[in-house]
Amino acid sequence: MENLDIRQKILDAGLELYERGLVTRDFGCISARVSNDEFLITPAGIPYAAMRPEDIVLVSISKLSYKGNTKPSSEIGIHAAVYKLHPGVSFSVHTHQNYATAFSVLGRDLTDLPEDKAALLGSVVPVSTYALAGTKSLQANVMNAMQRFLGAHAILMKSHGIICFGATMDDAFRNAFALEKLCEDRFEEETGRDAFHLYTPEEAEDRGLISYHKGPRGINIFAKTEILKLFAENGKDVEIYTDDAAQLFGTKIRCLPNDADQKHILSALKVVPAVLIRDKGAVFYSSSREECEAAFMILQKNCLSAFLSEKKKQGEPLSVLLQVYEHSKYLRSHPRQK
């Protein structure tokens, strides 16, 4: 097998991104240039923990054609754009990390970076205008954002995620983590409060903030992290700000009354994998633990995005049309067990 060492680096990178909470399930993607003409990229639809070296797909930078029967990530166009515009870049990571995604919702470039972050990311981190994931429109929008600031090594993709890149895997990772820290710090500066800790399922379980219950037809999770309790205390349905939240939850995240009985809760969970319970927290249900945990992480991130957007009075929820489209598309490939 050609480029086995690079394939293994991509696999290792995927596991690290997943373990650090920068991606969930098979969301996001990772690529590495192997020549002036080709790059390797993670496949579509395979969770990072299940990927093998032979699943990594070889793609043409100029044509976006690929070899083999495994379908590459739908975001191959974005990665190809990076390698076209940046000859010195050899590694790219596309993540859905929490704070950077929340700032992407605001739809404005990140400027006035501290010196240490500017040395890694460039003087400005531009934001690309919104387009559906995996489309030529999104590729063009990201390309335009990169062309506006060719010195940038990270791009915010509005209401979707980010892409960070560098000469090596270590550089790309360093940039992704630097961007997240920049956005956490900026969140505190702009909201006047401490950053929320958005937990991975493992962290939340260790701290007693999440509990698992196995039923006859699936997994039920109850979570009471700070941000979920805050939105549960509001007692209002939560608007949808990110496209992965639209995929899982549709047009809103319902907040049920605190006296909702089991029948009421289970009825709501037949449609979507999570609901808030007023003054208590959030309940998640799915036939698989994996989907419950993905919903847990995505709900926290959407609540963070909602909090920042409402606090700054910038950005907006996704349109209902986009929410319905994303949710319908997701259900076709991930039907819920009734």
C-alpha atoms as a PDB file:
ATOM      1  CA  MET A   1       0.000   0.000   0.000  1.00  0.00           C
ATOM      2  CA  GLU A   2       1.386   3.388  -1.007  1.00  0.00           C
ATOM      3  CA  ASN A   3       1.922   6.181   1.519  1.00  0.00           C
ATOM      4  CA  LEU A   4       1.201   3.932   4.485  1.00  0.00           C
ATOM      5  CA  ASP A   5       2.989   6.274   6.882  1.00  0.00           C
ATOM      6  CA  ILE A   6       0.848   9.245   5.785  1.00  0.00           C
ATOM      7  CA  ARG A   7      -2.319   7.183   5.957  1.00  0.00           C
ATOM      8  CA  GLN A   8      -1.458   6.224   9.523  1.00  0.00           C
ATOM      9  CA  LYS A   9      -0.826   9.872  10.407  1.00  0.00           C
ATOM     10  CA  ILE A  10      -4.302  10.742   9.130  1.00  0.00           C
ATOM     11  CA  LEU A  11      -5.830   7.942  11.216  1.00  0.00           C
ATOM     12  CA  ASP A  12      -3.944   9.104  14.314  1.00  0.00           C
ATOM     13  CA  ALA A  13      -5.061  12.686  13.669  1.00  0.00           C
ATOM     14  CA  GLY A  14      -8.703  11.606  13.392  1.00  0.00           C
ATOM     15  CA  LEU A  15      -8.599   9.771  16.694  1.00  0.00           C
ATOM     16  CA  GLU A  16      -6.981  12.734  18.427  1.00  0.00           C
ATOM     17  CA  LEU A  17      -9.558  15.170  17.045  1.00  0.00           C
ATOM     18  CA  TYR A  18     -12.339  12.849  18.217  1.00  0.00           C
ATOM     19  CA  GLU A  19     -10.835  12.317  21.682  1.00  0.00           C
ATOM     20  CA  ARG A  20     -10.279  16.060  22.136  1.00  0.00           C
ATOM     21  CA  GLY A  21     -13.906  16.813  21.211  1.00  0.00           C
ATOM     22  CA  LEU A  22     -13.132  18.731  17.997  1.00  0.00           C
ATOM     23  CA  VAL A  23     -15.271  16.352  15.914  1.00  0.00           C
ATOM     24  CA  THR A  24     -18.051  13.826  16.544  1.00  0.00           C
ATOM     25  CA  ARG A  25     -18.790  10.528  14.814  1.00  0.00           C
ATOM     26  CA  ASP A  26     -17.690  10.759  11.183  1.00  0.00           C
ATOM     27  CA  PHE A  27     -18.113  14.549  10.991  1.00  0.00           C
ATOM     28  CA  GLY A  28     -15.194  16.707   9.843  1.00  0.00           C
ATOM     29  CA  CYS A  29     -12.312  15.418   7.732  1.00  0.00           C
ATOM     30  CA  ILE A  30      -8.525  15.301   7.521  1.00  0.00           C
ATOM     31  CA  SER A  31      -6.205  15.369   4.530  1.00  0.00           C
ATOM     32  CA  ALA A  32      -2.507  15.298   3.640  1.00  0.00           C
ATOM     33  CA  ARG A  33      -0.767  16.281   0.425  1.00  0.00           C
ATOM     34  CA  VAL A  34       1.298  13.456  -1.087  1.00  0.00           C
ATOM     35  CA  SER A  35       2.517  15.248  -4.235  1.00  0.00           C
ATOM     36  CA  ASN A  36       1.938  18.412  -6.263  1.00  0.00           C
ATOM     37  CA  ASP A  37      -1.037  16.677  -7.878  1.00  0.00           C
ATOM     38  CA  GLU A  38      -2.709  14.510  -5.206  1.00  0.00           C
ATOM     39  CA  PHE A  39      -3.744  14.347  -1.581  1.00  0.00           C
ATOM     40  CA  LEU A  40      -5.107  11.694   0.766  1.00  0.00           C
ATOM     41  CA  ILE A  41      -8.342  12.335   2.685  1.00  0.00           C
ATOM     42  CA  THR A  42     -10.590  10.561   5.158  1.00  0.00           C
ATOM     43  CA  PRO A  43     -13.596   8.696   3.699  1.00  0.00           C
ATOM     44  CA  ALA A  44     -17.260   9.579   3.950  1.00  0.00           C
ATOM     45  CA  GLY A  45     -19.432   7.800   6.489  1.00  0.00           C
ATOM     46  CA  ILE A  46     -16.819   5.841   8.451  1.00  0.00           C
ATOM     47  CA  PRO A  47     -16.331   6.761  12.143  1.00  0.00           C
ATOM     48  CA  TYR A  48     -12.759   7.662  13.038  1.00  0.00           C
ATOM     49  CA  ALA A  49     -12.401   4.723  15.430  1.00  0.00           C
ATOM     50  CA  ALA A  50     -13.329   2.274  12.667  1.00  0.00           C
ATOM     51  CA  MET A  51     -11.105   3.675   9.875  1.00  0.00           C
ATOM     52  CA  ARG A  52      -8.277   1.590   8.423  1.00  0.00           C
ATOM     53  CA  PRO A  53      -5.298   2.759   6.328  1.00  0.00           C
ATOM     54  CA  GLU A  54      -6.879   1.321   3.188  1.00  0.00           C
ATOM     55  CA  ASP A  55     -10.021   3.446   3.760  1.00  0.00           C
ATOM     56  CA  ILE A  56      -8.078   6.687   3.219  1.00  0.00           C
ATOM     57  CA  VAL A  57      -8.800   7.953  -0.304  1.00  0.00           C
ATOM     58  CA  LEU A  58      -6.338   9.330  -2.887  1.00  0.00           C
ATOM     59  CA  VAL A  59      -7.756  12.420  -4.657  1.00  0.00           C
ATOM     60  CA  SER A  60      -6.595  14.566  -7.574  1.00  0.00           C
ATOM     61  CA  ILE A  61      -6.098  18.212  -6.558  1.00  0.00           C
ATOM     62  CA  SER A  62      -7.077  19.579  -9.960  1.00  0.00           C
ATOM     63  CA  LYS A  63      -9.870  17.194 -10.980  1.00  0.00           C
ATOM     64  CA  LEU A  64     -11.213  15.970  -7.610  1.00  0.00           C
ATOM     65  CA  SER A  65     -11.309  12.478  -9.099  1.00  0.00           C
ATOM     66  CA  TYR A  66     -10.362   9.620  -6.788  1.00  0.00           C
ATOM     67  CA  LYS A  67      -9.128   6.057  -6.929  1.00  0.00           C
ATOM     68  CA  GLY A  68     -10.845   2.996  -5.504  1.00  0.00           C
ATOM     69  CA  ASN A  69     -14.370   2.157  -4.388  1.00  0.00           C
ATOM     70  CA  THR A  70     -14.344   4.098  -1.123  1.00  0.00           C
ATOM     71  CA  LYS A  71     -16.046   7.472  -1.374  1.00  0.00           C
ATOM     72  CA  PRO A  72     -14.004  10.397  -0.005  1.00  0.00           C
ATOM     73  CA  SER A  73     -15.314  13.067   2.341  1.00  0.00           C
ATOM     74  CA  SER A  74     -17.782  15.412   0.683  1.00  0.00           C
ATOM     75  CA  GLU A  75     -15.444  18.314   1.550  1.00  0.00           C
ATOM     76  CA  ILE A  76     -12.682  17.292  -0.874  1.00  0.00           C
ATOM     77  CA  GLY A  77     -13.160  20.568  -2.760  1.00  0.00           C
ATOM     78  CA  ILE A  78     -12.235  22.656   0.290  1.00  0.00           C
ATOM     79  CA  HIS A  79      -9.061  20.668   0.884  1.00  0.00           C
ATOM     80  CA  ALA A  80      -8.132  20.874  -2.791  1.00  0.00           C
ATOM     81  CA  ALA A  81      -8.597  24.655  -2.630  1.00  0.00           C
ATOM     82  CA  VAL A  82      -6.166  24.838   0.304  1.00  0.00           C
ATOM     83  CA  TYR A  83      -3.500  22.898  -1.594  1.00  0.00           C
ATOM     84  CA  LYS A  84      -4.000  24.971  -4.754  1.00  0.00           C
ATOM     85  CA  LEU A  85      -3.605  28.306  -2.960  1.00  0.00           C
ATOM     86  CA  HIS A  86      -0.899  27.241  -0.514  1.00  0.00           C
ATOM     87  CA  PRO A  87       1.952  25.254  -2.102  1.00  0.00           C
ATOM     88  CA  GLY A  88       3.735  25.049   1.244  1.00  0.00           C
ATOM     89  CA  VAL A  89       0.790  23.399   3.025  1.00  0.00           C
ATOM     90  CA  SER A  90       0.823  19.611   3.388  1.00  0.00           C
ATOM     91  CA  PHE A  91      -1.823  18.914   6.061  1.00  0.00           C
ATOM     92  CA  SER A  92      -5.379  20.153   6.640  1.00  0.00           C
ATOM     93  CA  VAL A  93      -8.008  19.468   9.293  1.00  0.00           C
ATOM     94  CA  HIS A  94     -11.681  20.373   9.008  1.00  0.00           C
ATOM     95  CA  THR A  95     -13.340  20.336  12.421  1.00  0.00           C
ATOM     96  CA  HIS A  96     -16.582  21.378  14.075  1.00  0.00           C
ATOM     97  CA  GLN A  97     -14.876  22.639  17.222  1.00  0.00           C
ATOM     98  CA  ASN A  98     -17.012  24.480  19.719  1.00  0.00           C
ATOM     99  CA  TYR A  99     -15.914  28.073  20.235  1.00  0.00           C
ATOM    100  CA  ALA A 100     -14.588  28.666  16.719  1.00  0.00           C
ATOM    101  CA  THR A 101     -17.866  27.372  15.259  1.00  0.00           C
ATOM    102  CA  ALA A 102     -19.840  29.610  17.616  1.00  0.00           C
ATOM    103  CA  PHE A 103     -17.878  32.643  16.378  1.00  0.00           C
ATOM    104  CA  SER A 104     -18.453  31.566  12.775  1.00  0.00           C
ATOM    105  CA  VAL A 105     -22.190  32.034  13.403  1.00  0.00           C
ATOM    106  CA  LEU A 106     -21.585  35.767  13.942  1.00  0.00           C
ATOM    107  CA  GLY A 107     -20.433  36.020  10.325  1.00  0.00           C
ATOM    108  CA  ARG A 108     -17.472  38.328  10.948  1.00  0.00           C
ATOM    109  CA  ASP A 109     -13.732  37.953  10.538  1.00  0.00           C
ATOM    110  CA  LEU A 110     -11.579  37.612  13.643  1.00  0.00           C
ATOM    111  CA  THR A 111      -9.262  40.624  13.716  1.00  0.00           C
ATOM    112  CA  ASP A 112      -6.805  42.217  16.159  1.00  0.00           C
ATOM    113  CA  LEU A 113      -5.298  38.866  17.102  1.00  0.00           C
ATOM    114  CA  PRO A 114      -2.779  38.722  19.955  1.00  0.00           C
ATOM    115  CA  GLU A 115       0.793  38.476  18.734  1.00  0.00           C
ATOM    116  CA  ASP A 116       1.237  34.805  19.656  1.00  0.00           C
ATOM    117  CA  LYS A 117      -1.970  33.771  17.855  1.00  0.00           C
ATOM    118  CA  ALA A 118      -1.233  35.976  14.815  1.00  0.00           C
ATOM    119  CA  ALA A 119       2.152  34.253  14.473  1.00  0.00           C
ATOM    120  CA  LEU A 120       0.330  30.954  13.964  1.00  0.00           C
ATOM    121  CA  LEU A 121      -2.973  31.901  12.340  1.00  0.00           C
ATOM    122  CA  GLY A 122      -2.167  35.091  10.453  1.00  0.00           C
ATOM    123  CA  SER A 123      -3.229  38.639  11.264  1.00  0.00           C
ATOM    124  CA  VAL A 124      -6.879  37.896  10.410  1.00  0.00           C
ATOM    125  CA  VAL A 125      -8.982  34.724  10.522  1.00  0.00           C
ATOM    126  CA  PRO A 126     -11.578  35.264   7.774  1.00  0.00           C
ATOM    127  CA  VAL A 127     -15.086  33.833   7.737  1.00  0.00           C
ATOM    128  CA  SER A 128     -16.634  32.376   4.588  1.00  0.00           C
ATOM    129  CA  THR A 129     -20.290  32.997   3.794  1.00  0.00           C
ATOM    130  CA  TYR A 130     -22.696  30.129   4.409  1.00  0.00           C
ATOM    131  CA  ALA A 131     -23.333  27.381   1.886  1.00  0.00           C
ATOM    132  CA  LEU A 132     -24.499  23.798   2.185  1.00  0.00           C
ATOM    133  CA  ALA A 133     -21.806  21.341   3.225  1.00  0.00           C
ATOM    134  CA  GLY A 134     -20.141  19.432   0.418  1.00  0.00           C
ATOM    135  CA  THR A 135     -21.261  21.813  -2.347  1.00  0.00           C
ATOM    136  CA  LYS A 136     -19.336  23.753  -4.964  1.00  0.00           C
ATOM    137  CA  SER A 137     -20.785  26.909  -3.439  1.00  0.00           C
ATOM    138  CA  LEU A 138     -19.120  26.167  -0.113  1.00  0.00           C
ATOM    139  CA  GLN A 139     -15.850  25.408  -1.890  1.00  0.00           C
ATOM    140  CA  ALA A 140     -16.053  28.738  -3.735  1.00  0.00           C
ATOM    141  CA  ASN A 141     -16.920  30.639  -0.551  1.00  0.00           C
ATOM    142  CA  VAL A 142     -13.969  29.159   1.338  1.00  0.00           C
ATOM    143  CA  MET A 143     -11.684  29.875  -1.621  1.00  0.00           C
ATOM    144  CA  ASN A 144     -12.849  33.516  -1.613  1.00  0.00           C
ATOM    145  CA  ALA A 145     -12.175  33.821   2.113  1.00  0.00           C
ATOM    146  CA  MET A 146      -8.671  32.400   1.686  1.00  0.00           C
ATOM    147  CA  GLN A 147      -7.958  34.754  -1.205  1.00  0.00           C
ATOM    148  CA  ARG A 148      -8.992  37.758   0.905  1.00  0.00           C
ATOM    149  CA  PHE A 149      -6.288  36.888   3.456  1.00  0.00           C
ATOM    150  CA  LEU A 150      -3.672  34.614   1.921  1.00  0.00           C
ATOM    151  CA  GLY A 151      -1.619  34.802   5.119  1.00  0.00           C
ATOM    152  CA  ALA A 152      -4.366  33.115   7.147  1.00  0.00           C
ATOM    153  CA  HIS A 153      -3.869  29.494   8.219  1.00  0.00           C
ATOM    154  CA  ALA A 154      -7.453  29.040   9.428  1.00  0.00           C
ATOM    155  CA  ILE A 155     -10.868  29.805   7.958  1.00  0.00           C
ATOM    156  CA  LEU A 156     -14.182  30.044   9.799  1.00  0.00           C
ATOM    157  CA  MET A 157     -16.977  28.414   7.774  1.00  0.00           C
ATOM    158  CA  LYS A 158     -20.179  30.176   8.798  1.00  0.00           C
ATOM    159  CA  SER A 159     -22.521  28.066  10.935  1.00  0.00           C
ATOM    160  CA  HIS A 160     -20.593  24.945   9.979  1.00  0.00           C
ATOM    161  CA  GLY A 161     -17.037  24.651  11.305  1.00  0.00           C
ATOM    162  CA  ILE A 162     -13.461  25.554  10.480  1.00  0.00           C
ATOM    163  CA  ILE A 163     -10.524  24.428   8.395  1.00  0.00           C
ATOM    164  CA  CYS A 164      -6.963  24.802   9.660  1.00  0.00           C
ATOM    165  CA  PHE A 165      -3.833  23.919   7.738  1.00  0.00           C
ATOM    166  CA  GLY A 166      -0.060  23.982   7.921  1.00  0.00           C
ATOM    167  CA  ALA A 167       3.186  22.583   6.587  1.00  0.00           C
ATOM    168  CA  THR A 168       2.893  19.505   8.837  1.00  0.00           C
ATOM    169  CA  MET A 169       0.291  17.651  10.867  1.00  0.00           C
ATOM    170  CA  ASP A 170       1.673  19.232  14.034  1.00  0.00           C
ATOM    171  CA  ASP A 171       1.324  22.698  12.492  1.00  0.00           C
ATOM    172  CA  ALA A 172      -2.300  22.083  11.465  1.00  0.00           C
ATOM    173  CA  PHE A 173      -3.170  20.787  14.942  1.00  0.00           C
ATOM    174  CA  ARG A 174      -1.368  23.652  16.640  1.00  0.00           C
ATOM    175  CA  ASN A 175      -3.370  26.100  14.545  1.00  0.00           C
ATOM    176  CA  ALA A 176      -6.680  24.379  15.353  1.00  0.00           C
ATOM    177  CA  PHE A 177      -6.005  24.467  19.082  1.00  0.00           C
ATOM    178  CA  ALA A 178      -4.702  28.054  18.924  1.00  0.00           C
ATOM    179  CA  LEU A 179      -7.885  29.118  17.125  1.00  0.00           C
ATOM    180  CA  GLU A 180     -10.080  27.457  19.741  1.00  0.00           C
ATOM    181  CA  LYS A 181      -8.170  29.146  22.580  1.00  0.00           C
ATOM    182  CA  LEU A 182      -8.401  32.498  20.774  1.00  0.00           C
ATOM    183  CA  CYS A 183     -12.181  32.103  20.472  1.00  0.00           C
ATOM    184  CA  GLU A 184     -12.569  31.017  24.109  1.00  0.00           C
ATOM    185  CA  ASP A 185     -10.620  34.079  25.258  1.00  0.00           C
ATOM    186  CA  ARG A 186     -12.598  36.337  22.952  1.00  0.00           C
ATOM    187  CA  PHE A 187     -15.862  34.846  24.218  1.00  0.00           C
ATOM    188  CA  GLU A 188     -14.910  35.907  27.753  1.00  0.00           C
ATOM    189  CA  GLU A 189     -13.885  39.377  26.583  1.00  0.00           C
ATOM    190  CA  GLU A 190     -17.073  39.946  24.595  1.00  0.00           C
ATOM    191  CA  THR A 191     -19.619  38.412  26.967  1.00  0.00           C
ATOM    192  CA  GLY A 192     -18.095  39.399  30.308  1.00  0.00           C
ATOM    193  CA  ARG A 193     -18.372  35.894  31.740  1.00  0.00           C
ATOM    194  CA  ASP A 194     -16.186  32.798  32.043  1.00  0.00           C
ATOM    195  CA  ALA A 195     -16.195  30.431  29.100  1.00  0.00           C
ATOM    196  CA  PHE A 196     -18.501  27.446  29.433  1.00  0.00           C
ATOM    197  CA  HIS A 197     -16.733  24.109  29.617  1.00  0.00           C
ATOM    198  CA  LEU A 198     -18.276  21.982  26.887  1.00  0.00           C
ATOM    199  CA  TYR A 199     -17.689  18.419  27.967  1.00  0.00           C
ATOM    200  CA  THR A 200     -16.929  15.302  26.002  1.00  0.00           C
ATOM    201  CA  PRO A 201     -19.135  12.389  27.126  1.00  0.00           C
ATOM    202  CA  GLU A 202     -16.177  10.836  28.949  1.00  0.00           C
ATOM    203  CA  GLU A 203     -15.437  14.037  30.870  1.00  0.00           C
ATOM    204  CA  ALA A 204     -19.088  14.524  31.773  1.00  0.00           C
ATOM    205  CA  GLU A 205     -19.431  10.944  33.009  1.00  0.00           C
ATOM    206  CA  ASP A 206     -16.293  11.265  35.158  1.00  0.00           C
ATOM    207  CA  ARG A 207     -17.789  14.371  36.824  1.00  0.00           C
ATOM    208  CA  GLY A 208     -21.235  12.903  37.357  1.00  0.00           C
ATOM    209  CA  LEU A 209     -22.832  15.278  34.842  1.00  0.00           C
ATOM    210  CA  ILE A 210     -24.163  12.566  32.570  1.00  0.00           C
ATOM    211  CA  SER A 211     -25.789   9.217  33.270  1.00  0.00           C
ATOM    212  CA  TYR A 212     -26.558   6.314  30.968  1.00  0.00           C
ATOM    213  CA  HIS A 213     -29.566   4.020  31.124  1.00  0.00           C
ATOM    214  CA  LYS A 214     -30.007   1.054  28.794  1.00  0.00           C
ATOM    215  CA  GLY A 215     -33.557   0.224  27.828  1.00  0.00           C
ATOM    216  CA  PRO A 216     -35.060  -2.575  25.739  1.00  0.00           C
ATOM    217  CA  ARG A 217     -34.811  -0.569  22.511  1.00  0.00           C
ATOM    218  CA  GLY A 218     -31.920   1.817  22.990  1.00  0.00           C
ATOM    219  CA  ILE A 219     -29.806   4.084  25.155  1.00  0.00           C
ATOM    220  CA  ASN A 220     -31.151   6.922  27.287  1.00  0.00           C
ATOM    221  CA  ILE A 221     -28.856   9.674  28.602  1.00  0.00           C
ATOM    222  CA  PHE A 222     -29.570  12.421  31.098  1.00  0.00           C
ATOM    223  CA  ALA A 223     -27.117  15.365  31.124  1.00  0.00           C
ATOM    224  CA  LYS A 224     -26.860  18.426  33.352  1.00  0.00           C
ATOM    225  CA  THR A 225     -23.782  20.329  32.188  1.00  0.00           C
ATOM    226  CA  GLU A 226     -23.725  24.070  32.945  1.00  0.00           C
ATOM    227  CA  ILE A 227     -24.799  25.253  29.518  1.00  0.00           C
ATOM    228  CA  LEU A 228     -27.571  22.664  29.176  1.00  0.00           C
ATOM    229  CA  LYS A 229     -28.945  23.578  32.633  1.00  0.00           C
ATOM    230  CA  LEU A 230     -28.815  27.281  31.728  1.00  0.00           C
ATOM    231  CA  PHE A 231     -30.945  26.765  28.632  1.00  0.00           C
ATOM    232  CA  ALA A 232     -33.244  24.351  30.463  1.00  0.00           C
ATOM    233  CA  GLU A 233     -33.827  27.011  33.125  1.00  0.00           C
ATOM    234  CA  ASN A 234     -34.949  29.441  30.397  1.00  0.00           C
ATOM    235  CA  GLY A 235     -37.832  27.115  29.688  1.00  0.00           C
ATOM    236  CA  LYS A 236     -37.850  28.033  26.000  1.00  0.00           C
ATOM    237  CA  ASP A 237     -37.250  26.040  22.843  1.00  0.00           C
ATOM    238  CA  VAL A 238     -33.765  26.612  21.444  1.00  0.00           C
ATOM    239  CA  GLU A 239     -33.224  27.947  17.928  1.00  0.00           C
ATOM    240  CA  ILE A 240     -30.910  26.094  15.508  1.00  0.00           C
ATOM    241  CA  TYR A 241     -27.662  27.919  14.676  1.00  0.00           C
ATOM    242  CA  THR A 242     -25.361  25.240  13.212  1.00  0.00           C
ATOM    243  CA  ASP A 243     -25.952  22.857  10.367  1.00  0.00           C
ATOM    244  CA  ASP A 244     -24.998  19.729  12.327  1.00  0.00           C
ATOM    245  CA  ALA A 245     -27.630  20.718  14.917  1.00  0.00           C
ATOM    246  CA  ALA A 246     -30.153  21.063  12.085  1.00  0.00           C
ATOM    247  CA  GLN A 247     -29.249  17.583  10.894  1.00  0.00           C
ATOM    248  CA  LEU A 248     -29.975  16.001  14.260  1.00  0.00           C
ATOM    249  CA  PHE A 249     -32.695  18.225  15.711  1.00  0.00           C
ATOM    250  CA  GLY A 250     -34.564  19.775  12.770  1.00  0.00           C
ATOM    251  CA  THR A 251     -36.153  23.180  13.329  1.00  0.00           C
ATOM    252  CA  LYS A 252     -35.742  23.565  17.102  1.00  0.00           C
ATOM    253  CA  ILE A 253     -34.691  21.867  20.307  1.00  0.00           C
ATOM    254  CA  ARG A 254     -37.792  21.532  22.432  1.00  0.00           C
ATOM    255  CA  CYS A 255     -37.866  22.417  26.118  1.00  0.00           C
ATOM    256  CA  LEU A 256     -40.510  20.375  27.915  1.00  0.00           C
ATOM    257  CA  PRO A 257     -42.099  21.419  31.228  1.00  0.00           C
ATOM    258  CA  ASN A 258     -40.410  20.134  34.367  1.00  0.00           C
ATOM    259  CA  ASP A 259     -43.442  17.989  35.201  1.00  0.00           C
ATOM    260  CA  ALA A 260     -43.433  16.228  31.826  1.00  0.00           C
ATOM    261  CA  ASP A 261     -44.107  12.531  32.367  1.00  0.00           C
ATOM    262  CA  GLN A 262     -42.238   9.656  30.768  1.00  0.00           C
ATOM    263  CA  LYS A 263     -44.848   9.210  28.036  1.00  0.00           C
ATOM    264  CA  HIS A 264     -44.552  12.884  27.021  1.00  0.00           C
ATOM    265  CA  ILE A 265     -40.748  12.742  26.959  1.00  0.00           C
ATOM    266  CA  LEU A 266     -40.579   9.502  24.984  1.00  0.00           C
ATOM    267  CA  SER A 267     -43.100  10.848  22.480  1.00  0.00           C
ATOM    268  CA  ALA A 268     -40.857  13.885  21.831  1.00  0.00           C
ATOM    269  CA  LEU A 269     -37.787  11.664  21.529  1.00  0.00           C
ATOM    270  CA  LYS A 270     -39.375   9.607  18.756  1.00  0.00           C
ATOM    271  CA  VAL A 271     -38.758  12.541  16.409  1.00  0.00           C
ATOM    272  CA  VAL A 272     -35.348  13.846  17.510  1.00  0.00           C
ATOM    273  CA  PRO A 273     -32.588  12.444  19.755  1.00  0.00           C
ATOM    274  CA  ALA A 274     -32.746  15.135  22.473  1.00  0.00           C
ATOM    275  CA  VAL A 275     -35.026  17.439  24.426  1.00  0.00           C
ATOM    276  CA  LEU A 276     -34.472  19.845  27.301  1.00  0.00           C
ATOM    277  CA  ILE A 277     -36.477  19.458  30.522  1.00  0.00           C
ATOM    278  CA  ARG A 278     -37.132  22.758  32.263  1.00  0.00           C
ATOM    279  CA  ASP A 279     -34.932  23.372  35.337  1.00  0.00           C
ATOM    280  CA  LYS A 280     -33.331  19.923  35.020  1.00  0.00           C
ATOM    281  CA  GLY A 281     -31.142  19.410  31.955  1.00  0.00           C
ATOM    282  CA  ALA A 282     -31.355  17.412  28.746  1.00  0.00           C
ATOM    283  CA  VAL A 283     -32.520  13.921  27.876  1.00  0.00           C
ATOM    284  CA  PHE A 284     -31.136  12.011  24.893  1.00  0.00           C
ATOM    285  CA  TYR A 285     -32.437   8.809  23.338  1.00  0.00           C
ATOM    286  CA  SER A 286     -31.254   6.642  20.463  1.00  0.00           C
ATOM    287  CA  SER A 287     -30.816   3.032  19.493  1.00  0.00           C
ATOM    288  CA  SER A 288     -27.051   3.637  19.705  1.00  0.00           C
ATOM    289  CA  ARG A 289     -24.842   5.166  22.371  1.00  0.00           C
ATOM    290  CA  GLU A 290     -22.818   6.759  19.582  1.00  0.00           C
ATOM    291  CA  GLU A 291     -25.733   8.880  18.349  1.00  0.00           C
ATOM    292  CA  CYS A 292     -26.688   9.879  21.887  1.00  0.00           C
ATOM    293  CA  GLU A 293     -23.150  11.090  22.567  1.00  0.00           C
ATOM    294  CA  ALA A 294     -22.982  12.943  19.250  1.00  0.00           C
ATOM    295  CA  ALA A 295     -26.296  14.639  20.062  1.00  0.00           C
ATOM    296  CA  PHE A 296     -24.954  15.586  23.514  1.00  0.00           C
ATOM    297  CA  MET A 297     -21.900  17.312  22.051  1.00  0.00           C
ATOM    298  CA  ILE A 298     -23.784  19.008  19.203  1.00  0.00           C
ATOM    299  CA  LEU A 299     -26.534  20.277  21.535  1.00  0.00           C
ATOM    300  CA  GLN A 300     -23.946  21.880  23.824  1.00  0.00           C
ATOM    301  CA  LYS A 301     -22.281  23.574  20.840  1.00  0.00           C
ATOM    302  CA  ASN A 302     -25.589  24.848  19.437  1.00  0.00           C
ATOM    303  CA  CYS A 303     -26.495  26.280  22.856  1.00  0.00           C
ATOM    304  CA  LEU A 304     -23.091  27.991  22.979  1.00  0.00           C
ATOM    305  CA  SER A 305     -23.698  29.454  19.508  1.00  0.00           C
ATOM    306  CA  ALA A 306     -27.171  30.629  20.541  1.00  0.00           C
ATOM    307  CA  PHE A 307     -25.812  32.226  23.730  1.00  0.00           C
ATOM    308  CA  LEU A 308     -23.073  34.129  21.873  1.00  0.00           C
ATOM    309  CA  SER A 309     -25.321  35.238  19.014  1.00  0.00           C
ATOM    310  CA  GLU A 310     -28.045  36.467  21.351  1.00  0.00           C
ATOM    311  CA  LYS A 311     -25.547  38.192  23.654  1.00  0.00           C
ATOM    312  CA  LYS A 312     -23.809  40.004  20.776  1.00  0.00           C
ATOM    313  CA  LYS A 313     -27.011  40.528  18.760  1.00  0.00           C
ATOM    314  CA  GLN A 314     -25.086  39.276  15.729  1.00  0.00           C
ATOM    315  CA  GLY A 315     -25.600  36.282  13.504  1.00  0.00           C
ATOM    316  CA  GLU A 316     -28.876  34.464  13.154  1.00  0.00           C
ATOM    317  CA  PRO A 317     -30.375  30.974  13.303  1.00  0.00           C
ATOM    318  CA  LEU A 318     -30.317  28.971  10.113  1.00  0.00           C
ATOM    319  CA  SER A 319     -33.375  29.516   7.958  1.00  0.00           C
ATOM    320  CA  VAL A 320     -36.242  27.073   8.484  1.00  0.00           C
ATOM    321  CA  LEU A 321     -35.816  25.904   4.880  1.00  0.00           C
ATOM    322  CA  LEU A 322     -32.185  24.977   5.547  1.00  0.00           C
ATOM    323  CA  GLN A 323     -33.090  23.330   8.840  1.00  0.00           C
ATOM    324  CA  VAL A 324     -35.730  21.144   7.191  1.00  0.00           C
ATOM    325  CA  TYR A 325     -33.428  20.280   4.295  1.00  0.00           C
ATOM    326  CA  GLU A 326     -30.512  19.304   6.566  1.00  0.00           C
ATOM    327  CA  HIS A 327     -32.729  17.256   8.888  1.00  0.00           C
ATOM    328  CA  SER A 328     -34.443  15.417   6.024  1.00  0.00           C
ATOM    329  CA  LYS A 329     -31.114  14.612   4.384  1.00  0.00           C
ATOM    330  CA  TYR A 330     -29.736  13.301   7.657  1.00  0.00           C
ATOM    331  CA  LEU A 331     -32.772  11.113   8.360  1.00  0.00           C
ATOM    332  CA  ARG A 332     -32.437   9.462   4.970  1.00  0.00           C
ATOM    333  CA  SER A 333     -29.017   8.133   5.948  1.00  0.00           C
ATOM    334  CA  HIS A 334     -29.654   7.816   9.725  1.00  0.00           C
ATOM    335  CA  PRO A 335     -33.294   6.760  10.206  1.00  0.00           C
ATOM    336  CA  ARG A 336     -34.476   6.902  13.812  1.00  0.00           C
ATOM    337  CA  GLN A 337     -35.745   3.776  15.501  1.00  0.00           C
ATOM    338  CA  LYS A 338     -39.299   4.349  16.687  1.00  0.00           C
END
